[in-house]
Amino acid sequence: MTSQKADLLQGTLDLLTLKALSLGPLHGYGIIQRIRQMSEEMLTIEQGALYPALYRIEQRGWVKSKWDTTETGRQAKFYTLTRVGRKQLTVEEASWDRLALAIAKVRQAT
């Protein structure tokens, strides 16, 4: 992909967020930056999409949050992956792997 933005399949944002947080606690902007970094700048998550997703996955118990000070001295809510969230990440990754395999099979069909 070039500089165009990728449209994400519904449900993919949960996987990306959980994966980013599996590497350590982050605030919202840090999650966006980590996903951009991990995707080699191919994926850009909008704040308007991320924060509702964070609220939803926190309600499900996959992450927990607490207010803390950023490296620039500002207050921000930091998110941490919970044990339940780690299990869910495994489920999400397996589901994505099955979907990717199915799509590959369709693409290779003659």
C-alpha atoms as a PDB file:
ATOM      1  CA  MET A   1       0.000   0.000   0.000  1.00  0.00           C
ATOM      2  CA  THR A   2       1.225   3.513  -0.699  1.00  0.00           C
ATOM      3  CA  SER A   3       0.211   6.606   1.220  1.00  0.00           C
ATOM      4  CA  GLN A   4      -3.497   5.821   0.892  1.00  0.00           C
ATOM      5  CA  LYS A   5      -5.364   5.014   4.089  1.00  0.00           C
ATOM      6  CA  ALA A   6      -6.422   1.418   4.617  1.00  0.00           C
ATOM      7  CA  ASP A   7     -10.038   0.754   5.512  1.00  0.00           C
ATOM      8  CA  LEU A   8     -10.156  -1.639   8.444  1.00  0.00           C
ATOM      9  CA  LEU A   9     -12.554  -4.529   8.630  1.00  0.00           C
ATOM     10  CA  GLN A  10     -14.955  -4.242  11.511  1.00  0.00           C
ATOM     11  CA  GLY A  11     -13.443  -5.857  14.596  1.00  0.00           C
ATOM     12  CA  THR A  12      -9.872  -5.377  13.421  1.00  0.00           C
ATOM     13  CA  LEU A  13      -9.381  -2.342  15.652  1.00  0.00           C
ATOM     14  CA  ASP A  14      -9.828  -4.500  18.763  1.00  0.00           C
ATOM     15  CA  LEU A  15      -7.103  -6.862  17.551  1.00  0.00           C
ATOM     16  CA  LEU A  16      -4.720  -4.011  16.702  1.00  0.00           C
ATOM     17  CA  THR A  17      -5.326  -2.259  20.020  1.00  0.00           C
ATOM     18  CA  LEU A  18      -4.862  -5.421  22.070  1.00  0.00           C
ATOM     19  CA  LYS A  19      -1.683  -6.249  20.142  1.00  0.00           C
ATOM     20  CA  ALA A  20      -0.264  -2.756  20.696  1.00  0.00           C
ATOM     21  CA  LEU A  21      -0.989  -3.005  24.422  1.00  0.00           C
ATOM     22  CA  SER A  22       0.539  -6.490  24.628  1.00  0.00           C
ATOM     23  CA  LEU A  23       3.910  -4.734  24.325  1.00  0.00           C
ATOM     24  CA  GLY A  24       3.240  -2.519  27.356  1.00  0.00           C
ATOM     25  CA  PRO A  25       0.951   0.197  28.775  1.00  0.00           C
ATOM     26  CA  LEU A  26       0.155   3.178  26.543  1.00  0.00           C
ATOM     27  CA  HIS A  27      -2.078   6.228  26.399  1.00  0.00           C
ATOM     28  CA  GLY A  28      -4.400   6.684  23.430  1.00  0.00           C
ATOM     29  CA  TYR A  29      -2.007   8.656  21.253  1.00  0.00           C
ATOM     30  CA  GLY A  30       0.726   6.122  22.071  1.00  0.00           C
ATOM     31  CA  ILE A  31      -1.534   3.303  20.852  1.00  0.00           C
ATOM     32  CA  ILE A  32      -2.073   5.144  17.563  1.00  0.00           C
ATOM     33  CA  GLN A  33       1.669   5.688  17.176  1.00  0.00           C
ATOM     34  CA  ARG A  34       2.538   2.081  18.054  1.00  0.00           C
ATOM     35  CA  ILE A  35       0.067   0.713  15.470  1.00  0.00           C
ATOM     36  CA  ARG A  36       1.539   3.058  12.842  1.00  0.00           C
ATOM     37  CA  GLN A  37       5.039   1.906  13.783  1.00  0.00           C
ATOM     38  CA  MET A  38       4.180  -1.814  13.812  1.00  0.00           C
ATOM     39  CA  SER A  39       2.446  -1.509  10.425  1.00  0.00           C
ATOM     40  CA  GLU A  40       5.373   0.430   8.964  1.00  0.00           C
ATOM     41  CA  GLU A  41       3.120   3.480   8.560  1.00  0.00           C
ATOM     42  CA  MET A  42       0.514   1.600   6.499  1.00  0.00           C
ATOM     43  CA  LEU A  43      -2.232   1.858   9.128  1.00  0.00           C
ATOM     44  CA  THR A  44      -3.422   5.093  10.660  1.00  0.00           C
ATOM     45  CA  ILE A  45      -6.051   4.878  13.369  1.00  0.00           C
ATOM     46  CA  GLU A  46      -8.222   7.935  13.895  1.00  0.00           C
ATOM     47  CA  GLN A  47      -8.768   9.133  17.472  1.00  0.00           C
ATOM     48  CA  GLY A  48     -12.500   9.205  16.793  1.00  0.00           C
ATOM     49  CA  ALA A  49     -12.395   5.449  16.200  1.00  0.00           C
ATOM     50  CA  LEU A  50      -9.874   4.518  18.890  1.00  0.00           C
ATOM     51  CA  TYR A  51     -11.469   6.054  21.978  1.00  0.00           C
ATOM     52  CA  PRO A  52     -14.880   4.379  21.584  1.00  0.00           C
ATOM     53  CA  ALA A  53     -13.029   1.084  21.012  1.00  0.00           C
ATOM     54  CA  LEU A  54     -10.962   1.624  24.171  1.00  0.00           C
ATOM     55  CA  TYR A  55     -14.126   2.338  26.144  1.00  0.00           C
ATOM     56  CA  ARG A  56     -15.777  -0.811  24.754  1.00  0.00           C
ATOM     57  CA  ILE A  57     -12.853  -3.129  25.444  1.00  0.00           C
ATOM     58  CA  GLU A  58     -12.391  -1.661  28.914  1.00  0.00           C
ATOM     59  CA  GLN A  59     -16.056  -2.425  29.644  1.00  0.00           C
ATOM     60  CA  ARG A  60     -15.403  -6.014  28.515  1.00  0.00           C
ATOM     61  CA  GLY A  61     -12.487  -6.274  30.951  1.00  0.00           C
ATOM     62  CA  TRP A  62      -9.824  -6.689  28.268  1.00  0.00           C
ATOM     63  CA  VAL A  63      -7.939  -3.568  29.369  1.00  0.00           C
ATOM     64  CA  LYS A  64      -7.790  -1.450  32.489  1.00  0.00           C
ATOM     65  CA  SER A  65      -6.916   2.223  32.678  1.00  0.00           C
ATOM     66  CA  LYS A  66      -5.424   4.690  35.109  1.00  0.00           C
ATOM     67  CA  TRP A  67      -4.432   8.317  34.947  1.00  0.00           C
ATOM     68  CA  ASP A  68      -0.695   8.988  34.920  1.00  0.00           C
ATOM     69  CA  THR A  69       1.832  11.528  33.687  1.00  0.00           C
ATOM     70  CA  THR A  70       3.182  11.318  30.136  1.00  0.00           C
ATOM     71  CA  GLU A  71       6.806  11.798  29.156  1.00  0.00           C
ATOM     72  CA  THR A  72       5.939  15.452  28.412  1.00  0.00           C
ATOM     73  CA  GLY A  73       4.456  16.015  31.874  1.00  0.00           C
ATOM     74  CA  ARG A  74       0.789  15.976  30.843  1.00  0.00           C
ATOM     75  CA  GLN A  75      -1.905  13.858  32.458  1.00  0.00           C
ATOM     76  CA  ALA A  76      -3.234  11.051  30.278  1.00  0.00           C
ATOM     77  CA  LYS A  77      -5.181   7.849  30.708  1.00  0.00           C
ATOM     78  CA  PHE A  78      -2.874   4.855  30.274  1.00  0.00           C
ATOM     79  CA  TYR A  79      -4.278   1.494  29.209  1.00  0.00           C
ATOM     80  CA  THR A  80      -2.919  -1.896  30.256  1.00  0.00           C
ATOM     81  CA  LEU A  81      -3.834  -5.294  28.855  1.00  0.00           C
ATOM     82  CA  THR A  82      -5.466  -7.577  31.441  1.00  0.00           C
ATOM     83  CA  ARG A  83      -5.143 -11.352  31.693  1.00  0.00           C
ATOM     84  CA  VAL A  84      -8.588 -11.639  30.071  1.00  0.00           C
ATOM     85  CA  GLY A  85      -7.367  -9.264  27.359  1.00  0.00           C
ATOM     86  CA  ARG A  86      -4.347 -11.467  26.654  1.00  0.00           C
ATOM     87  CA  LYS A  87      -6.663 -14.448  26.202  1.00  0.00           C
ATOM     88  CA  GLN A  88      -8.894 -12.384  23.921  1.00  0.00           C
ATOM     89  CA  LEU A  89      -5.874 -11.323  21.873  1.00  0.00           C
ATOM     90  CA  THR A  90      -5.129 -15.004  21.243  1.00  0.00           C
ATOM     91  CA  VAL A  91      -8.746 -15.544  20.145  1.00  0.00           C
ATOM     92  CA  GLU A  92      -8.672 -12.460  17.889  1.00  0.00           C
ATOM     93  CA  GLU A  93      -5.372 -13.517  16.289  1.00  0.00           C
ATOM     94  CA  ALA A  94      -6.655 -17.044  15.595  1.00  0.00           C
ATOM     95  CA  SER A  95      -9.846 -15.625  14.090  1.00  0.00           C
ATOM     96  CA  TRP A  96      -7.866 -13.245  11.882  1.00  0.00           C
ATOM     97  CA  ASP A  97      -5.560 -16.091  10.774  1.00  0.00           C
ATOM     98  CA  ARG A  98      -8.606 -18.171   9.731  1.00  0.00           C
ATOM     99  CA  LEU A  99     -10.060 -15.229   7.817  1.00  0.00           C
ATOM    100  CA  ALA A 100      -6.746 -14.512   6.061  1.00  0.00           C
ATOM    101  CA  LEU A 101      -6.460 -18.190   5.073  1.00  0.00           C
ATOM    102  CA  ALA A 102     -10.012 -18.227   3.708  1.00  0.00           C
ATOM    103  CA  ILE A 103      -9.391 -15.053   1.696  1.00  0.00           C
ATOM    104  CA  ALA A 104      -6.130 -16.488   0.333  1.00  0.00           C
ATOM    105  CA  LYS A 105      -7.969 -19.631  -0.787  1.00  0.00           C
ATOM    106  CA  VAL A 106     -10.617 -17.577  -2.568  1.00  0.00           C
ATOM    107  CA  ARG A 107      -7.957 -15.455  -4.276  1.00  0.00           C
ATOM    108  CA  GLN A 108      -6.075 -18.565  -5.451  1.00  0.00           C
ATOM    109  CA  ALA A 109      -9.155 -20.353  -6.778  1.00  0.00           C
ATOM    110  CA  THR A 110      -9.142 -20.973 -10.507  1.00  0.00           C
END
